[in-house]
C-alpha atoms as a PDB file:
ATOM      1  CA  MET A   1       5.593  15.827 -14.605  1.00  0.00           C
ATOM      2  CA  PRO A   2       3.892  18.505 -12.485  1.00  0.00           C
ATOM      3  CA  LYS A   3       6.366  20.754 -10.663  1.00  0.00           C
ATOM      4  CA  SER A   4       5.105  19.481  -7.310  1.00  0.00           C
ATOM      5  CA  PRO A   5       3.016  16.371  -7.948  1.00  0.00           C
ATOM      6  CA  ARG A   6       0.224  15.796  -5.447  1.00  0.00           C
ATOM      7  CA  ILE A   7       0.350  12.264  -4.073  1.00  0.00           C
ATOM      8  CA  ALA A   8      -2.250  10.427  -2.019  1.00  0.00           C
ATOM      9  CA  VAL A   9      -0.813   8.020   0.561  1.00  0.00           C
ATOM     10  CA  LEU A  10      -3.337   5.395   1.619  1.00  0.00           C
ATOM     11  CA  LEU A  11      -2.812   4.221   5.208  1.00  0.00           C
ATOM     12  CA  ALA A  12      -4.326   1.241   7.032  1.00  0.00           C
ATOM     13  CA  GLY A  13      -3.828   2.210  10.671  1.00  0.00           C
ATOM     14  CA  CYS A  14      -0.666   2.253  12.778  1.00  0.00           C
ATOM     15  CA  GLY A  15       1.387  -0.824  13.627  1.00  0.00           C
ATOM     16  CA  HIS A  16       2.669  -3.531  11.331  1.00  0.00           C
ATOM     17  CA  VAL A  17       0.581  -6.391  12.756  1.00  0.00           C
ATOM     18  CA  ASP A  18      -2.816  -4.673  12.699  1.00  0.00           C
ATOM     19  CA  GLY A  19      -2.335  -1.437  10.743  1.00  0.00           C
ATOM     20  CA  ALA A  20       0.172   0.292   8.492  1.00  0.00           C
ATOM     21  CA  GLU A  21       3.845  -0.669   8.811  1.00  0.00           C
ATOM     22  CA  ILE A  22       5.200   2.471  10.470  1.00  0.00           C
ATOM     23  CA  ARG A  23       8.701   2.264   9.028  1.00  0.00           C
ATOM     24  CA  GLU A  24       7.415   1.718   5.500  1.00  0.00           C
ATOM     25  CA  ALA A  25       4.930   4.567   5.825  1.00  0.00           C
ATOM     26  CA  VAL A  26       7.506   7.016   7.175  1.00  0.00           C
ATOM     27  CA  LEU A  27      10.114   6.033   4.596  1.00  0.00           C
ATOM     28  CA  ALA A  28       7.548   6.490   1.825  1.00  0.00           C
ATOM     29  CA  LEU A  29       6.658   9.930   3.169  1.00  0.00           C
ATOM     30  CA  LEU A  30      10.354  10.819   3.401  1.00  0.00           C
ATOM     31  CA  ALA A  31      11.019   9.692  -0.170  1.00  0.00           C
ATOM     32  CA  LEU A  32       8.027  11.665  -1.436  1.00  0.00           C
ATOM     33  CA  ASP A  33       9.230  14.753   0.416  1.00  0.00           C
ATOM     34  CA  GLN A  34      12.716  14.400  -1.047  1.00  0.00           C
ATOM     35  CA  HIS A  35      11.184  14.277  -4.520  1.00  0.00           C
ATOM     36  CA  GLY A  36       9.273  17.494  -3.864  1.00  0.00           C
ATOM     37  CA  ALA A  37       5.809  15.959  -3.790  1.00  0.00           C
ATOM     38  CA  LYS A  38       2.821  17.407  -1.994  1.00  0.00           C
ATOM     39  CA  VAL A  39       1.398  14.595   0.136  1.00  0.00           C
ATOM     40  CA  GLN A  40      -2.061  13.895   1.490  1.00  0.00           C
ATOM     41  CA  CYS A  41      -2.450  10.905   3.793  1.00  0.00           C
ATOM     42  CA  VAL A  42      -5.826   9.196   3.481  1.00  0.00           C
ATOM     43  CA  ALA A  43      -7.557   6.457   5.502  1.00  0.00           C
ATOM     44  CA  PRO A  44     -11.072   5.071   6.013  1.00  0.00           C
ATOM     45  CA  ASP A  45     -12.962   6.342   9.056  1.00  0.00           C
ATOM     46  CA  ALA A  46     -13.889   2.847  10.248  1.00  0.00           C
ATOM     47  CA  PRO A  47     -12.966   0.261  12.903  1.00  0.00           C
ATOM     48  CA  GLN A  48      -9.899  -1.825  12.179  1.00  0.00           C
ATOM     49  CA  HIS A  49     -10.267  -5.618  12.085  1.00  0.00           C
ATOM     50  CA  HIS A  50      -8.770  -6.167  15.542  1.00  0.00           C
ATOM     51  CA  VAL A  51      -6.126  -4.881  17.916  1.00  0.00           C
ATOM     52  CA  VAL A  52      -2.803  -6.655  18.427  1.00  0.00           C
ATOM     53  CA  ASN A  53      -0.381  -6.214  21.321  1.00  0.00           C
ATOM     54  CA  HIS A  54       2.871  -5.476  19.506  1.00  0.00           C
ATOM     55  CA  VAL A  55       4.904  -6.785  22.445  1.00  0.00           C
ATOM     56  CA  THR A  56       3.333 -10.243  22.535  1.00  0.00           C
ATOM     57  CA  GLY A  57       1.793 -10.466  19.072  1.00  0.00           C
ATOM     58  CA  GLN A  58      -1.495 -11.516  20.647  1.00  0.00           C
ATOM     59  CA  VAL A  59      -4.940 -10.168  19.781  1.00  0.00           C
ATOM     60  CA  VAL A  60      -6.352  -8.126  22.681  1.00  0.00           C
ATOM     61  CA  GLU A  61      -9.776  -6.802  23.588  1.00  0.00           C
ATOM     62  CA  GLY A  62     -10.887  -3.423  22.359  1.00  0.00           C
ATOM     63  CA  SER A  63     -11.204  -1.624  19.060  1.00  0.00           C
ATOM     64  CA  ARG A  64      -9.381   1.123  17.220  1.00  0.00           C
ATOM     65  CA  ASN A  65     -10.298   3.408  14.355  1.00  0.00           C
ATOM     66  CA  ILE A  66      -8.284   3.217  11.119  1.00  0.00           C
ATOM     67  CA  LEU A  67      -8.368   6.979  10.515  1.00  0.00           C
ATOM     68  CA  GLU A  68      -7.450   7.827  14.097  1.00  0.00           C
ATOM     69  CA  GLU A  69      -4.583   5.332  14.109  1.00  0.00           C
ATOM     70  CA  SER A  70      -3.323   6.479  10.707  1.00  0.00           C
ATOM     71  CA  SER A  71      -3.275  10.027  12.063  1.00  0.00           C
ATOM     72  CA  ARG A  72      -0.522   8.945  14.466  1.00  0.00           C
ATOM     73  CA  ILE A  73       1.699   8.634  11.399  1.00  0.00           C
ATOM     74  CA  ALA A  74       0.323  11.543   9.377  1.00  0.00           C
ATOM     75  CA  ARG A  75       0.318  13.811  12.489  1.00  0.00           C
ATOM     76  CA  LYS A  76      -2.709  15.337  14.170  1.00  0.00           C
ATOM     77  CA  GLY A  77      -5.401  16.504  11.779  1.00  0.00           C
ATOM     78  CA  GLN A  78      -3.376  15.723   8.655  1.00  0.00           C
ATOM     79  CA  CYS A  79      -4.996  12.452   7.567  1.00  0.00           C
ATOM     80  CA  LEU A  80      -8.048  12.854   5.347  1.00  0.00           C
ATOM     81  CA  ASP A  81     -11.139  10.683   5.706  1.00  0.00           C
ATOM     82  CA  LEU A  82     -11.248   8.488   2.604  1.00  0.00           C
ATOM     83  CA  ALA A  83     -14.934   9.387   2.176  1.00  0.00           C
ATOM     84  CA  LYS A  84     -13.816  12.965   1.439  1.00  0.00           C
ATOM     85  CA  ALA A  85     -10.948  12.023  -0.890  1.00  0.00           C
ATOM     86  CA  HIS A  86     -11.215  12.141  -4.681  1.00  0.00           C
ATOM     87  CA  ALA A  87      -8.661  10.444  -6.913  1.00  0.00           C
ATOM     88  CA  GLY A  88      -9.032  13.285  -9.406  1.00  0.00           C
ATOM     89  CA  ASP A  89      -7.362  15.640  -6.931  1.00  0.00           C
ATOM     90  CA  TYR A  90      -4.091  13.669  -7.029  1.00  0.00           C
ATOM     91  CA  ASP A  91      -1.434  12.810  -9.582  1.00  0.00           C
ATOM     92  CA  ALA A  92      -0.543   9.416  -8.101  1.00  0.00           C
ATOM     93  CA  LEU A  93      -1.172   6.969  -5.261  1.00  0.00           C
ATOM     94  CA  VAL A  94       1.290   5.306  -2.891  1.00  0.00           C
ATOM     95  CA  ILE A  95       0.245   2.517  -0.511  1.00  0.00           C
ATOM     96  CA  PRO A  96       2.623   1.479   2.287  1.00  0.00           C
ATOM     97  CA  GLY A  97       2.307  -2.048   3.626  1.00  0.00           C
ATOM     98  CA  GLY A  98       1.540  -3.515   7.018  1.00  0.00           C
ATOM     99  CA  PHE A  99      -0.814  -6.346   7.896  1.00  0.00           C
ATOM    100  CA  GLY A 100      -3.622  -3.803   8.244  1.00  0.00           C
ATOM    101  CA  VAL A 101      -3.682  -3.502   4.455  1.00  0.00           C
ATOM    102  CA  ALA A 102      -4.648  -7.172   4.274  1.00  0.00           C
ATOM    103  CA  LYS A 103      -6.988  -7.014   7.290  1.00  0.00           C
ATOM    104  CA  ASN A 104      -8.539  -3.542   7.331  1.00  0.00           C
ATOM    105  CA  LEU A 105      -8.573  -2.476   3.687  1.00  0.00           C
ATOM    106  CA  CYS A 106      -9.343  -5.924   2.267  1.00  0.00           C
ATOM    107  CA  GLY A 107      -9.647  -9.520   3.422  1.00  0.00           C
ATOM    108  CA  PHE A 108      -6.543 -10.922   1.735  1.00  0.00           C
ATOM    109  CA  ALA A 109      -5.113 -12.057   5.078  1.00  0.00           C
ATOM    110  CA  PHE A 110      -8.037 -14.420   5.538  1.00  0.00           C
ATOM    111  CA  GLN A 111      -9.310 -15.320   2.070  1.00  0.00           C
ATOM    112  CA  GLY A 112      -6.395 -14.794  -0.297  1.00  0.00           C
ATOM    113  CA  ALA A 113      -7.442 -14.528  -3.934  1.00  0.00           C
ATOM    114  CA  GLU A 114     -11.110 -14.887  -2.946  1.00  0.00           C
ATOM    115  CA  ALA A 115     -11.005 -11.839  -0.671  1.00  0.00           C
ATOM    116  CA  SER A 116     -13.204  -8.797  -0.982  1.00  0.00           C
ATOM    117  CA  VAL A 117     -12.013  -5.187  -0.760  1.00  0.00           C
ATOM    118  CA  ARG A 118     -13.670  -2.394   1.182  1.00  0.00           C
ATOM    119  CA  PRO A 119     -15.872  -0.700  -1.445  1.00  0.00           C
ATOM    120  CA  ASP A 120     -14.494   2.777  -0.714  1.00  0.00           C
ATOM    121  CA  VAL A 121     -10.909   1.536  -0.924  1.00  0.00           C
ATOM    122  CA  GLU A 122     -11.601  -0.405  -4.110  1.00  0.00           C
ATOM    123  CA  ALA A 123     -13.200   2.589  -5.810  1.00  0.00           C
ATOM    124  CA  PHE A 124     -10.355   4.893  -4.769  1.00  0.00           C
ATOM    125  CA  VAL A 125      -7.583   2.566  -5.962  1.00  0.00           C
ATOM    126  CA  GLN A 126      -9.338   1.676  -9.211  1.00  0.00           C
ATOM    127  CA  ALA A 127      -9.884   5.334 -10.045  1.00  0.00           C
ATOM    128  CA  PHE A 128      -6.120   5.875 -10.388  1.00  0.00           C
ATOM    129  CA  PHE A 129      -5.790   3.019 -12.856  1.00  0.00           C
ATOM    130  CA  GLU A 130      -8.896   4.110 -14.760  1.00  0.00           C
ATOM    131  CA  SER A 131      -7.334   7.523 -15.320  1.00  0.00           C
ATOM    132  CA  GLY A 132      -3.872   6.158 -16.132  1.00  0.00           C
ATOM    133  CA  LYS A 133      -2.207   7.609 -13.045  1.00  0.00           C
ATOM    134  CA  PRO A 134       0.813   5.909 -11.438  1.00  0.00           C
ATOM    135  CA  VAL A 135       0.505   3.742  -8.347  1.00  0.00           C
ATOM    136  CA  GLY A 136       3.218   2.543  -5.972  1.00  0.00           C
ATOM    137  CA  ALA A 137       2.543  -0.410  -3.667  1.00  0.00           C
ATOM    138  CA  ILE A 138       4.836  -1.533  -0.872  1.00  0.00           C
ATOM    139  CA  CYS A 139       5.148  -4.862   0.999  1.00  0.00           C
ATOM    140  CA  ILE A 140       1.698  -6.568   1.143  1.00  0.00           C
ATOM    141  CA  ALA A 141      -0.038  -3.631  -0.586  1.00  0.00           C
ATOM    142  CA  PRO A 142       0.457  -5.165  -4.072  1.00  0.00           C
ATOM    143  CA  ALA A 143      -2.000  -7.872  -2.966  1.00  0.00           C
ATOM    144  CA  LEU A 144      -4.639  -5.182  -2.406  1.00  0.00           C
ATOM    145  CA  VAL A 145      -3.811  -3.680  -5.797  1.00  0.00           C
ATOM    146  CA  GLY A 146      -3.981  -7.129  -7.349  1.00  0.00           C
ATOM    147  CA  LEU A 147      -7.488  -7.667  -6.008  1.00  0.00           C
ATOM    148  CA  CYS A 148      -8.627  -4.259  -7.294  1.00  0.00           C
ATOM    149  CA  LEU A 149      -7.111  -4.790 -10.740  1.00  0.00           C
ATOM    150  CA  ALA A 150      -8.595  -8.273 -11.106  1.00  0.00           C
ATOM    151  CA  ARG A 151     -12.041  -6.797 -10.579  1.00  0.00           C
ATOM    152  CA  MET A 152     -11.295  -4.410 -13.445  1.00  0.00           C
ATOM    153  CA  GLY A 153     -10.257  -7.254 -15.712  1.00  0.00           C
ATOM    154  CA  LYS A 154      -6.649  -6.044 -15.709  1.00  0.00           C
ATOM    155  CA  LYS A 155      -3.518  -8.152 -15.268  1.00  0.00           C
ATOM    156  CA  ALA A 156      -0.357  -6.776 -13.687  1.00  0.00           C
ATOM    157  CA  ARG A 157       3.301  -7.616 -13.297  1.00  0.00           C
ATOM    158  CA  LEU A 158       4.157  -7.225  -9.620  1.00  0.00           C
ATOM    159  CA  THR A 159       6.123  -8.528  -6.658  1.00  0.00           C
ATOM    160  CA  LEU A 160       5.512  -9.355  -3.003  1.00  0.00           C
ATOM    161  CA  GLY A 161       8.957 -10.782  -2.308  1.00  0.00           C
ATOM    162  CA  ASN A 162       9.362 -14.489  -2.943  1.00  0.00           C
ATOM    163  CA  GLY A 163       6.547 -16.171  -0.966  1.00  0.00           C
ATOM    164  CA  THR A 164       5.026 -19.147  -2.768  1.00  0.00           C
ATOM    165  CA  GLU A 165       1.535 -18.901  -1.217  1.00  0.00           C
ATOM    166  CA  ILE A 166       1.158 -15.249  -2.132  1.00  0.00           C
ATOM    167  CA  GLN A 167       2.551 -15.959  -5.578  1.00  0.00           C
ATOM    168  CA  ALA A 168      -0.126 -18.618  -6.081  1.00  0.00           C
ATOM    169  CA  ALA A 169      -2.853 -16.182  -5.005  1.00  0.00           C
ATOM    170  CA  MET A 170      -1.662 -13.486  -7.397  1.00  0.00           C
ATOM    171  CA  GLU A 171      -1.372 -15.938 -10.266  1.00  0.00           C
ATOM    172  CA  LYS A 172      -4.884 -17.185  -9.518  1.00  0.00           C
ATOM    173  CA  LEU A 173      -6.024 -13.595 -10.031  1.00  0.00           C
ATOM    174  CA  GLY A 174      -4.272 -13.594 -13.393  1.00  0.00           C
ATOM    175  CA  HIS A 175      -1.244 -11.520 -12.446  1.00  0.00           C
ATOM    176  CA  SER A 176       2.400 -12.163 -13.296  1.00  0.00           C
ATOM    177  CA  PHE A 177       4.329 -12.552 -10.046  1.00  0.00           C
ATOM    178  CA  GLN A 178       8.027 -11.727 -10.090  1.00  0.00           C
ATOM    179  CA  SER A 179      10.150 -13.099  -7.261  1.00  0.00           C
ATOM    180  CA  VAL A 180      12.935 -10.801  -6.104  1.00  0.00           C
ATOM    181  CA  PRO A 181      16.067 -11.574  -4.058  1.00  0.00           C
ATOM    182  CA  SER A 182      15.881  -8.614  -1.684  1.00  0.00           C
ATOM    183  CA  PRO A 183      13.784  -5.639  -0.555  1.00  0.00           C
ATOM    184  CA  ARG A 184      16.030  -3.354  -2.592  1.00  0.00           C
ATOM    185  CA  GLU A 185      14.312  -4.430  -5.819  1.00  0.00           C
ATOM    186  CA  VAL A 186      11.418  -2.731  -7.604  1.00  0.00           C
ATOM    187  CA  VAL A 187       9.201  -4.376 -10.198  1.00  0.00           C
ATOM    188  CA  LEU A 188       7.658  -2.099 -12.796  1.00  0.00           C
ATOM    189  CA  ASP A 189       4.596  -2.675 -14.920  1.00  0.00           C
ATOM    190  CA  GLU A 190       5.027   0.126 -17.407  1.00  0.00           C
ATOM    191  CA  SER A 191       1.677  -0.394 -19.111  1.00  0.00           C
ATOM    192  CA  LEU A 192      -0.194   0.168 -15.828  1.00  0.00           C
ATOM    193  CA  LYS A 193       2.319   2.647 -14.388  1.00  0.00           C
ATOM    194  CA  LEU A 194       2.547   0.333 -11.357  1.00  0.00           C
ATOM    195  CA  ALA A 195       5.667   0.092  -9.174  1.00  0.00           C
ATOM    196  CA  THR A 196       5.918  -2.541  -6.440  1.00  0.00           C
ATOM    197  CA  THR A 197       8.585  -3.310  -3.864  1.00  0.00           C
ATOM    198  CA  SER A 198       8.637  -6.010  -1.201  1.00  0.00           C
ATOM    199  CA  ALA A 199      10.038  -4.188   1.878  1.00  0.00           C
ATOM    200  CA  TYR A 200       9.222  -6.219   5.020  1.00  0.00           C
ATOM    201  CA  MET A 201       7.800  -9.138   3.091  1.00  0.00           C
ATOM    202  CA  PHE A 202      11.380 -10.128   3.906  1.00  0.00           C
ATOM    203  CA  ASP A 203      10.973 -10.401   7.695  1.00  0.00           C
ATOM    204  CA  ASP A 204      14.696 -10.046   8.391  1.00  0.00           C
ATOM    205  CA  ALA A 205      15.195  -7.107   6.036  1.00  0.00           C
ATOM    206  CA  ARG A 206      17.640  -4.387   7.001  1.00  0.00           C
ATOM    207  CA  LEU A 207      16.048  -0.978   7.332  1.00  0.00           C
ATOM    208  CA  SER A 208      18.609   0.445   4.915  1.00  0.00           C
ATOM    209  CA  ASP A 209      17.606  -2.094   2.251  1.00  0.00           C
ATOM    210  CA  VAL A 210      13.909  -1.380   2.797  1.00  0.00           C
ATOM    211  CA  TRP A 211      14.681   2.316   2.302  1.00  0.00           C
ATOM    212  CA  VAL A 212      16.440   1.671  -1.006  1.00  0.00           C
ATOM    213  CA  GLY A 213      13.461  -0.270  -2.362  1.00  0.00           C
ATOM    214  CA  ILE A 214      10.910   2.276  -1.186  1.00  0.00           C
ATOM    215  CA  GLU A 215      12.884   5.228  -2.538  1.00  0.00           C
ATOM    216  CA  ARG A 216      13.191   3.500  -5.905  1.00  0.00           C
ATOM    217  CA  CYS A 217       9.466   2.720  -5.884  1.00  0.00           C
ATOM    218  CA  VAL A 218       8.582   6.328  -5.100  1.00  0.00           C
ATOM    219  CA  ALA A 219      11.027   7.601  -7.737  1.00  0.00           C
ATOM    220  CA  ALA A 220       9.307   5.419 -10.334  1.00  0.00           C
ATOM    221  CA  VAL A 221       5.895   6.764  -9.322  1.00  0.00           C
ATOM    222  CA  ILE A 222       7.061  10.385  -9.449  1.00  0.00           C
ATOM    223  CA  GLY A 223       8.759   9.776 -12.771  1.00  0.00           C
ATOM    224  CA  ASN A 224       5.446   8.688 -14.278  1.00  0.00           C
ATOM    225  CA  CYS A 225       3.483  11.707 -13.055  1.00  0.00           C
END
């Protein structure tokens, strides 16, 4: 393992209903920092699918930019445009969840197993698997990874909690879905160096349990660097 592995963190905006899940993103960044990693947040410079009022849960008028919103989490000027990011510069990839992963980075929220992935996102994610580098995916992010892997002809062992509809979609893509009892669990696919944890796929999850799962996921990623 490199002394200070360099990890790319792919973000999908800011806000769990239309962007990255803020708690998951921050906990992932905290876990990476505790493990001594050098982190680079990355996001596409593109409009997000839509904007949601996080008080009411309703879609509202207007548009927001994925990179600009992700920079709220990464801090000003510290989120790299995905167009300028190269997988070869990093030792591993971590993808926090949030509905924006399934809306902004791919169309899983709308088309399930038939969804497409943004070409730049697909190329970036696939490059880590092509070079045998570890990937950690949190909450709904394993669905994005599942889409990318299926297009490579690869099958993974992964989890997204215990939802039957999502399980059916992943199995349709050829993946082995493992149900887990809580967000504290991590599912490892050692052959692909893939670690997945469900986090807020359990809607009523305690923050402390989400932290345990994310820290374990990050530890598995770092351990494979």
